[in-house]
Each structure stands twice: as structure tokens, then as C-alpha cells.
Amino acid sequence: MSGYRVRPASPADAEAISRIYNQGIEDRVATLETERRTSEERRRWLAGRSPRHPVIVAESDGHVVGWGSLNAFNPREAYRFVADFSIYVERAWRGQGVGRVMLARLIELAREHGYHKMVLSAFPTNQGGMALYEKLGFRTVGVYKEQGQLDGTWVDTIIMEKLL
């Protein structure tokens, strides 16, 4: 579980990031996104990131098995100390500790970048993710009922936070 190498993402990781993100889109486990992303789009996305919004990848034996990012929660100045985050793990590696090492690193990075709080929204069906977030100190603050529609079905999202 602890043999993963976590490092900053580079443009060379765009293909792996898009592949893993597209699995998350297809599996309907972690995003209300429905459009597949291309490697080129992810390359541009990486290039446009500010230093305060890093993207990381987790590797096992040189193979990218997950990625995560710190994101702006809201563009308004008053929210500059609140970070949203994303974590996606390759299908075959889910449940093997990849998400845990990436989230631990994102928490460190959030502190290093001066954030006061991290927030997330998760699907109630993402039980593994919810358990991980709670283990690492996140608490549930509410539920957005019928927040979005996937495949014609309304989906709730659970809102969680962690003060740093």
C-alpha cells in the first residue's frame, strides 16, 4: 500500500490523467462530468494551472495509477483560503491505498499553499471514498439533493470539509 510514488504531474502525464479521468466519467463514481476528455485537452488544462492549484500523480513501478488536484473552490477573493480537490484512481488500483497517499499529499500541499480549509462533494454511492475522507479528518456538512443528472437519474452529492 505504501509503495506508491507521488510526484507533481507533468505534460507527459496528460495521457494517463485523461485515461483515468475518463474511467471515472464512464463508471459514474466521482463526477457529474459526462464528456470524455482527450490527452490534448488535459495537457492544456495542466499548462493553465496556477502554482496554488497543483496536480499530482501516483505511480507504481513507473506506471501512473492515479491523479489528484487542488482546485479553486470559488473565484471570489473571500474564498481564497478554501480549496476543492479531485482524486481519481485507475480502475484496477481502486481500494489499494492509492487514494489515501494522494489525499495525504494534497492535504500537505494545501497547508503549504496557505489554505485554511479543504472541501469536496462526493456521491453517496462512493462508499470507499467517503470512508477515506472520514479517516483523514473530513466531516459531512450536508447533502445537495438532486444536484445533477446522470443518465436521466437525479444524483445527490454529499458535501464534506476539513479545517487545516
Protein backbone atom coordinates (compact mmCIF):
# COMPACT_ATOMS: atom_id res chain seq x y z
CA MET A 1 0.00 0.00 0.00
CA SER A 2 2.73 2.48 0.82
CA GLY A 3 4.92 1.69 -2.18
CA TYR A 4 3.45 4.44 -4.33
CA ARG A 5 5.49 7.38 -5.52
CA VAL A 6 3.56 10.67 -5.51
CA ARG A 7 5.01 13.49 -7.58
CA PRO A 8 3.92 16.66 -9.41
CA ALA A 9 2.21 15.95 -12.72
CA SER A 10 3.95 16.91 -15.95
CA PRO A 11 2.66 17.36 -19.52
CA ALA A 12 3.89 13.82 -20.22
CA ASP A 13 1.22 12.57 -17.77
CA ALA A 14 -1.69 14.03 -19.75
CA GLU A 15 -2.46 10.73 -21.47
CA ALA A 16 -2.61 8.79 -18.19
CA ILE A 17 -4.60 11.57 -16.50
CA SER A 18 -7.17 11.61 -19.30
CA ARG A 19 -7.41 7.79 -19.33
CA ILE A 20 -8.01 7.64 -15.57
CA TYR A 21 -10.41 10.59 -15.61
CA ASN A 22 -12.39 9.01 -18.44
CA GLN A 23 -12.72 5.82 -16.37
CA GLY A 24 -14.22 7.91 -13.57
CA ILE A 25 -16.63 9.52 -16.04
CA GLU A 26 -17.62 6.15 -17.52
CA ASP A 27 -18.04 4.47 -14.14
CA ARG A 28 -20.21 7.30 -12.74
CA VAL A 29 -18.39 7.09 -9.41
CA ALA A 30 -16.97 10.53 -8.75
CA THR A 31 -18.04 13.25 -11.16
CA LEU A 32 -21.08 14.79 -12.76
CA GLU A 33 -18.93 15.22 -15.87
CA THR A 34 -20.26 13.26 -18.84
CA GLU A 35 -17.93 14.28 -21.69
CA ARG A 36 -14.76 12.25 -22.17
CA ARG A 37 -11.53 14.24 -22.08
CA THR A 38 -8.68 13.99 -24.55
CA SER A 39 -4.99 13.93 -23.74
CA GLU A 40 -4.57 17.25 -25.56
CA GLU A 41 -7.34 18.87 -23.50
CA ARG A 42 -5.72 17.58 -20.28
CA ARG A 43 -2.33 18.88 -21.48
CA ARG A 44 -3.84 22.37 -21.91
CA TRP A 45 -5.57 22.04 -18.53
CA LEU A 46 -2.24 21.20 -16.87
CA ALA A 47 -0.49 24.11 -18.60
CA GLY A 48 -3.14 26.55 -17.38
CA ARG A 49 -2.91 25.60 -13.70
CA SER A 50 -1.61 28.15 -11.21
CA PRO A 51 1.11 27.10 -8.74
CA ARG A 52 -1.51 27.30 -5.98
CA HIS A 53 -3.57 24.61 -7.74
CA PRO A 54 -1.11 21.74 -8.20
CA VAL A 55 -1.81 18.43 -9.90
CA ILE A 56 -0.12 15.29 -8.61
CA VAL A 57 0.14 11.73 -9.84
CA ALA A 58 0.71 8.46 -8.01
CA GLU A 59 2.94 5.87 -9.65
CA SER A 60 3.53 2.19 -9.09
CA ASP A 61 6.63 0.84 -10.82
CA GLY A 62 6.68 3.88 -13.12
CA HIS A 63 3.02 3.45 -14.14
CA VAL A 64 0.62 6.31 -13.30
CA VAL A 65 -2.23 4.74 -11.30
CA GLY A 66 -3.97 7.87 -10.03
CA TRP A 67 -4.02 11.63 -10.06
CA GLY A 68 -5.28 14.41 -7.84
CA SER A 69 -5.54 18.18 -7.84
CA LEU A 70 -6.17 21.16 -5.61
CA ASN A 71 -8.74 23.44 -7.22
CA ALA A 72 -10.20 26.86 -6.56
CA PHE A 73 -13.40 26.46 -4.57
CA ASN A 74 -14.77 29.78 -5.80
CA PRO A 75 -13.14 32.62 -7.76
CA ARG A 76 -14.26 35.28 -5.25
CA GLU A 77 -11.41 36.74 -3.19
CA ALA A 78 -13.07 35.86 0.14
CA TYR A 79 -12.76 32.15 -0.72
CA ARG A 80 -9.01 32.23 -1.49
CA PHE A 81 -8.25 30.10 1.59
CA VAL A 82 -10.66 27.30 0.62
CA ALA A 83 -9.55 24.53 -1.76
CA ASP A 84 -11.70 21.99 -3.50
CA PHE A 85 -9.90 18.83 -4.58
CA SER A 86 -10.19 15.94 -7.01
CA ILE A 87 -8.81 12.41 -6.80
CA TYR A 88 -9.16 9.73 -9.47
CA VAL A 89 -7.71 6.22 -9.31
CA GLU A 90 -7.30 3.77 -12.17
CA ARG A 91 -9.97 1.04 -12.01
CA ALA A 92 -7.57 -1.84 -11.30
CA TRP A 93 -5.96 0.11 -8.44
CA ARG A 94 -9.05 1.26 -6.56
CA GLY A 95 -9.19 0.11 -2.95
CA GLN A 96 -5.42 -0.41 -2.75
CA GLY A 97 -4.38 2.75 -0.92
CA VAL A 98 -3.64 4.97 -3.91
CA GLY A 99 -6.33 7.48 -2.98
CA ARG A 100 -5.09 7.61 0.60
CA VAL A 101 -1.49 8.52 -0.31
CA MET A 102 -2.69 11.12 -2.81
CA LEU A 103 -5.15 12.71 -0.37
CA ALA A 104 -2.47 12.81 2.35
CA ARG A 105 -0.19 14.63 -0.10
CA LEU A 106 -2.94 17.03 -1.18
CA ILE A 107 -3.58 17.92 2.47
CA GLU A 108 0.15 18.67 2.88
CA LEU A 109 0.15 20.78 -0.28
CA ALA A 110 -2.97 22.67 0.83
CA ARG A 111 -1.22 23.59 4.08
CA GLU A 112 1.95 24.58 2.21
CA HIS A 113 -0.09 26.87 -0.06
CA GLY A 114 -1.78 28.58 2.87
CA TYR A 115 -5.25 27.10 2.61
CA HIS A 116 -7.39 27.11 5.75
CA LYS A 117 -9.93 24.55 4.60
CA MET A 118 -10.48 21.78 2.06
CA VAL A 119 -13.91 20.85 0.73
CA LEU A 120 -15.32 18.16 -1.52
CA SER A 121 -18.53 16.83 -2.89
CA ALA A 122 -18.97 13.07 -3.26
CA PHE A 123 -21.64 10.70 -4.44
CA PRO A 124 -23.34 8.78 -1.60
CA THR A 125 -22.55 5.60 -3.56
CA ASN A 126 -18.79 6.28 -3.31
CA GLN A 127 -18.51 4.45 0.00
CA GLY A 128 -14.77 3.82 -0.29
CA GLY A 129 -14.10 7.49 -0.87
CA MET A 130 -16.40 8.56 1.95
CA ALA A 131 -14.65 6.21 4.39
CA LEU A 132 -11.25 7.56 3.31
CA TYR A 133 -12.29 11.18 3.73
CA GLU A 134 -13.61 10.49 7.22
CA LYS A 135 -10.41 8.62 8.20
CA LEU A 136 -8.37 11.65 7.17
CA GLY A 137 -10.46 14.07 9.19
CA PHE A 138 -13.17 15.30 6.84
CA ARG A 139 -16.68 15.73 8.20
CA THR A 140 -20.02 15.74 6.42
CA VAL A 141 -21.68 19.15 6.43
CA GLY A 142 -24.68 18.45 4.24
CA VAL A 143 -26.27 16.93 1.18
CA TYR A 144 -27.16 18.65 -2.06
CA LYS A 145 -30.33 16.85 -3.10
CA GLU A 146 -30.67 16.13 -6.82
CA GLN A 147 -27.54 18.16 -7.59
CA GLY A 148 -27.17 16.85 -11.13
CA GLN A 149 -28.47 14.35 -13.62
CA LEU A 150 -26.55 11.33 -14.86
CA ASP A 151 -28.13 9.04 -17.42
CA GLY A 152 -31.55 10.53 -16.72
CA THR A 153 -31.34 9.99 -12.96
CA TRP A 154 -31.03 12.74 -10.35
CA VAL A 155 -27.91 12.38 -8.22
CA ASP A 156 -27.33 13.71 -4.69
CA THR A 157 -23.89 14.88 -3.58
CA ILE A 158 -22.54 14.85 -0.05
CA ILE A 159 -20.55 17.91 1.00
CA MET A 160 -17.56 17.42 3.31
CA GLU A 161 -14.91 19.71 4.77
CA LYS A 162 -11.68 19.65 6.75
CA LEU A 163 -10.20 22.62 8.58
CA LEU A 164 -6.45 22.62 8.19
